[in-house]
Amino acid sequence: MGGVPRRSDGERAKHSGACAVFRLVLALGASGVLAACSGTSSPPTLSGLFPETGNRASAALMSSNGSSVTGRVSFVQRGPNVTVFATLFDLSPGTHSIYIHEGGNCSSANAASAGPVWNVPGVGRGGNARSGDMPELQANSEGLAKLSAELRGLSVRTGNANDVVGHSVVVHDRLVRDPQAQYGVPNERVACGVIGAQKASE
């Protein structure tokens, strides 16, 4: 007789597993995927449910002002916004500031060569936020800090005024203050790295 062919036990298990995954995806905000989990349709795929990641850039942070702080900061274009990921080591426990600075130069021992915090004229981030402002870092008792955040109003490898590439990332230790610091830059700048383009495979 005609009709829908029956599935083997293995096919039913595979289909059921795929549907369970997609029910979880639906709970996180996707829509219209459960239709494929009813009846006799083939298991759906994840293709098209999530936006593809775009251009990438990163900065390898090196110690400054005699600190031992190191780390890496990565930027990924995701639609109109930029997602930043950071991992840092050997910070003093507690709260630290991290900014994108105007200059793409970390050659000076105290990171003064990075210049001031970056601020693109006419490209505000809302309120009094500067273009280079990022969320604070929280270092644990072992000096490890991680950050994942979405930055609006910026871009990666576009060549536009709000492109992060060519600037630098500087980490500031709030507990360090020295009014006699060279060049008028307090030695709170404990790490610095220039943001460069990054391949998707890196």
Protein backbone atom coordinates (compact mmCIF):
# COMPACT_ATOMS: atom_id res chain seq x y z
CA MET A 1 0.00 0.00 0.00
CA GLY A 2 1.05 3.60 -0.47
CA GLY A 3 1.82 6.02 2.29
CA VAL A 4 4.80 7.04 4.32
CA PRO A 5 7.53 4.40 4.63
CA ARG A 6 8.18 3.25 8.16
CA ARG A 7 11.52 4.09 9.75
CA SER A 8 13.88 1.63 11.32
CA ASP A 9 14.60 1.84 15.06
CA GLY A 10 17.96 3.50 14.28
CA GLU A 11 16.36 6.15 12.08
CA ARG A 12 13.72 6.91 14.72
CA ALA A 13 16.42 7.31 17.41
CA LYS A 14 18.45 9.62 15.19
CA HIS A 15 15.40 11.73 14.39
CA SER A 16 14.38 11.89 18.05
CA GLY A 17 17.84 13.04 19.08
CA ALA A 18 17.89 15.78 16.46
CA CYS A 19 14.49 16.97 17.58
CA ALA A 20 15.60 17.16 21.20
CA VAL A 21 18.46 19.45 20.17
CA PHE A 22 16.11 21.68 18.26
CA ARG A 23 13.65 21.92 21.12
CA LEU A 24 16.55 23.32 23.15
CA VAL A 25 17.36 25.76 20.35
CA LEU A 26 13.73 26.86 20.28
CA ALA A 27 13.82 27.52 24.02
CA LEU A 28 16.75 29.83 23.39
CA GLY A 29 14.88 31.90 20.86
CA ALA A 30 14.76 30.09 17.50
CA SER A 31 11.36 29.58 15.94
CA GLY A 32 9.70 27.45 13.35
CA VAL A 33 11.91 24.40 13.79
CA LEU A 34 9.59 22.02 15.60
CA ALA A 35 7.49 21.48 12.51
CA ALA A 36 10.25 19.26 11.17
CA CYS A 37 10.12 17.20 14.37
CA SER A 38 6.54 16.08 13.83
CA GLY A 39 5.21 13.71 11.26
CA THR A 40 7.69 12.21 8.84
CA SER A 41 9.95 15.11 7.84
CA SER A 42 13.70 14.63 7.84
CA PRO A 43 15.64 15.93 10.88
CA PRO A 44 16.28 19.70 10.57
CA THR A 45 19.73 21.25 10.47
CA LEU A 46 21.26 24.19 12.33
CA SER A 47 22.02 25.98 9.06
CA GLY A 48 20.59 29.49 9.00
CA LEU A 49 19.48 29.56 12.64
CA PHE A 50 22.45 31.56 13.87
CA PRO A 51 24.23 34.48 12.18
CA GLU A 52 27.63 33.68 10.76
CA THR A 53 30.56 35.35 12.43
CA GLY A 54 32.31 37.98 10.37
CA ASN A 55 35.67 39.69 10.43
CA ARG A 56 38.07 39.03 13.29
CA ALA A 57 40.86 40.92 14.99
CA SER A 58 42.93 40.35 18.12
CA ALA A 59 45.55 41.84 20.38
CA ALA A 60 48.23 39.92 22.27
CA LEU A 61 48.70 41.79 25.55
CA MET A 62 52.21 42.21 26.89
CA SER A 63 53.28 43.48 30.31
CA SER A 64 54.00 47.15 30.92
CA ASN A 65 55.17 49.22 33.89
CA GLY A 66 57.04 46.26 35.34
CA SER A 67 53.95 44.07 35.73
CA SER A 68 53.72 40.42 34.70
CA VAL A 69 50.24 40.74 33.17
CA THR A 70 49.68 39.03 29.81
CA GLY A 71 46.66 37.94 27.83
CA ARG A 72 44.72 38.06 24.60
CA VAL A 73 41.72 40.06 23.45
CA SER A 74 39.71 39.05 20.38
CA PHE A 75 37.07 40.97 18.44
CA VAL A 76 34.49 39.34 16.16
CA GLN A 77 32.01 41.15 13.93
CA ARG A 78 28.53 39.73 14.48
CA GLY A 79 25.96 41.57 12.45
CA PRO A 80 26.01 45.30 13.28
CA ASN A 81 27.83 44.76 16.59
CA VAL A 82 31.17 43.45 17.77
CA THR A 83 31.70 40.71 20.34
CA VAL A 84 34.85 40.95 22.45
CA PHE A 85 36.49 38.03 24.26
CA ALA A 86 39.39 38.54 26.67
CA THR A 87 41.53 36.31 28.88
CA LEU A 88 44.18 37.81 31.14
CA PHE A 89 46.71 36.37 33.56
CA ASP A 90 48.67 37.61 36.59
CA LEU A 91 46.41 40.53 37.44
CA SER A 92 46.11 41.58 41.03
CA PRO A 93 42.82 40.18 42.43
CA GLY A 94 39.87 42.52 42.08
CA THR A 95 38.50 45.03 39.60
CA HIS A 96 40.44 46.35 36.61
CA SER A 97 39.65 48.60 33.70
CA ILE A 98 40.24 47.69 30.06
CA TYR A 99 39.96 50.13 27.17
CA ILE A 100 40.65 50.48 23.48
CA HIS A 101 43.18 53.30 23.20
CA GLU A 102 43.63 55.65 20.28
CA GLY A 103 47.19 54.83 19.32
CA GLY A 104 48.27 51.52 17.86
CA ASN A 105 51.61 51.60 19.63
CA CYS A 106 52.68 49.75 22.77
CA SER A 107 56.41 50.31 22.41
CA SER A 108 56.92 52.46 25.51
CA ALA A 109 57.62 50.75 28.83
CA ASN A 110 54.63 52.39 30.51
CA ALA A 111 52.28 52.10 27.50
CA ALA A 112 52.10 55.89 27.18
CA SER A 113 52.60 55.39 23.44
CA ALA A 114 49.04 54.01 23.24
CA GLY A 115 47.71 57.51 23.82
CA PRO A 116 44.34 58.33 25.39
CA VAL A 117 41.20 56.18 25.39
CA TRP A 118 39.81 56.03 21.86
CA ASN A 119 36.78 58.14 21.04
CA VAL A 120 35.49 58.49 17.49
CA PRO A 121 33.92 61.92 16.90
CA GLY A 122 30.25 61.55 16.07
CA VAL A 123 30.22 57.81 16.78
CA GLY A 124 28.79 57.69 20.27
CA ARG A 125 28.04 54.51 22.20
CA GLY A 126 25.16 56.03 24.13
CA GLY A 127 25.27 58.30 27.16
CA ASN A 128 28.78 59.45 27.99
CA ALA A 129 30.44 56.25 26.83
CA ARG A 130 33.55 56.59 24.71
CA SER A 131 34.20 54.38 21.71
CA GLY A 132 37.00 52.62 23.58
CA ASP A 133 35.11 51.86 26.79
CA MET A 134 34.68 48.19 27.64
CA PRO A 135 33.20 46.40 30.66
CA GLU A 136 35.41 46.02 33.72
CA LEU A 137 37.53 42.96 34.37
CA GLN A 138 37.19 40.95 37.57
CA ALA A 139 40.34 39.01 38.45
CA ASN A 140 40.08 36.04 40.80
CA SER A 141 42.47 35.14 43.60
CA GLU A 142 44.86 33.58 41.06
CA GLY A 143 44.94 36.68 38.88
CA LEU A 144 42.81 35.23 36.08
CA ALA A 145 40.18 37.40 34.41
CA LYS A 146 37.84 36.63 31.52
CA LEU A 147 35.48 38.87 29.61
CA SER A 148 32.80 38.31 26.99
CA ALA A 149 30.68 41.26 25.92
CA GLU A 150 28.91 42.89 23.00
CA LEU A 151 30.14 46.30 21.86
CA ARG A 152 27.84 48.53 19.84
CA GLY A 153 28.91 51.21 17.42
CA LEU A 154 32.19 49.52 16.48
CA SER A 155 33.36 47.43 13.53
CA VAL A 156 36.16 45.02 12.62
CA ARG A 157 38.29 45.35 9.48
CA THR A 158 35.89 47.67 7.69
CA GLY A 159 38.24 50.61 7.27
CA ASN A 160 35.59 52.87 8.76
CA ALA A 161 36.25 55.42 11.48
CA ASN A 162 34.88 52.99 14.08
CA ASP A 163 37.16 50.10 13.03
CA VAL A 164 39.03 48.65 16.04
CA VAL A 165 41.99 47.47 13.94
CA GLY A 166 45.08 49.66 14.32
CA HIS A 167 44.23 50.78 17.84
CA SER A 168 45.47 49.20 21.06
CA VAL A 169 43.99 47.53 24.12
CA VAL A 170 45.30 48.69 27.50
CA VAL A 171 44.57 47.19 30.91
CA HIS A 172 44.58 49.52 33.91
CA ASP A 173 45.14 48.48 37.52
CA ARG A 174 43.00 50.79 39.65
CA LEU A 175 45.09 50.18 42.75
CA VAL A 176 48.23 51.65 41.19
CA ARG A 177 48.63 55.41 41.29
CA ASP A 178 51.79 57.41 40.81
CA PRO A 179 51.48 61.17 40.32
CA GLN A 180 55.18 61.29 39.41
CA ALA A 181 54.81 58.85 36.51
CA GLN A 182 56.69 59.69 33.32
CA TYR A 183 55.00 61.64 30.54
CA GLY A 184 52.00 62.35 32.76
CA VAL A 185 50.74 58.77 32.35
CA PRO A 186 50.12 56.97 35.68
CA ASN A 187 51.84 53.60 35.86
CA GLU A 188 48.48 51.89 36.27
CA ARG A 189 48.76 50.69 32.65
CA VAL A 190 49.80 47.12 33.33
CA ALA A 191 49.37 45.55 29.87
CA CYS A 192 49.10 46.70 26.28
CA GLY A 193 48.57 45.10 22.86
CA VAL A 194 47.99 46.40 19.34
CA ILE A 195 44.83 45.18 17.59
CA GLY A 196 45.57 43.48 14.29
CA ALA A 197 43.51 41.58 11.72
CA GLN A 198 43.03 37.90 12.41
CA LYS A 199 42.21 35.04 10.09
CA ALA A 200 39.06 33.02 10.80
CA SER A 201 41.20 29.90 11.30
CA GLU A 202 43.26 31.47 14.09
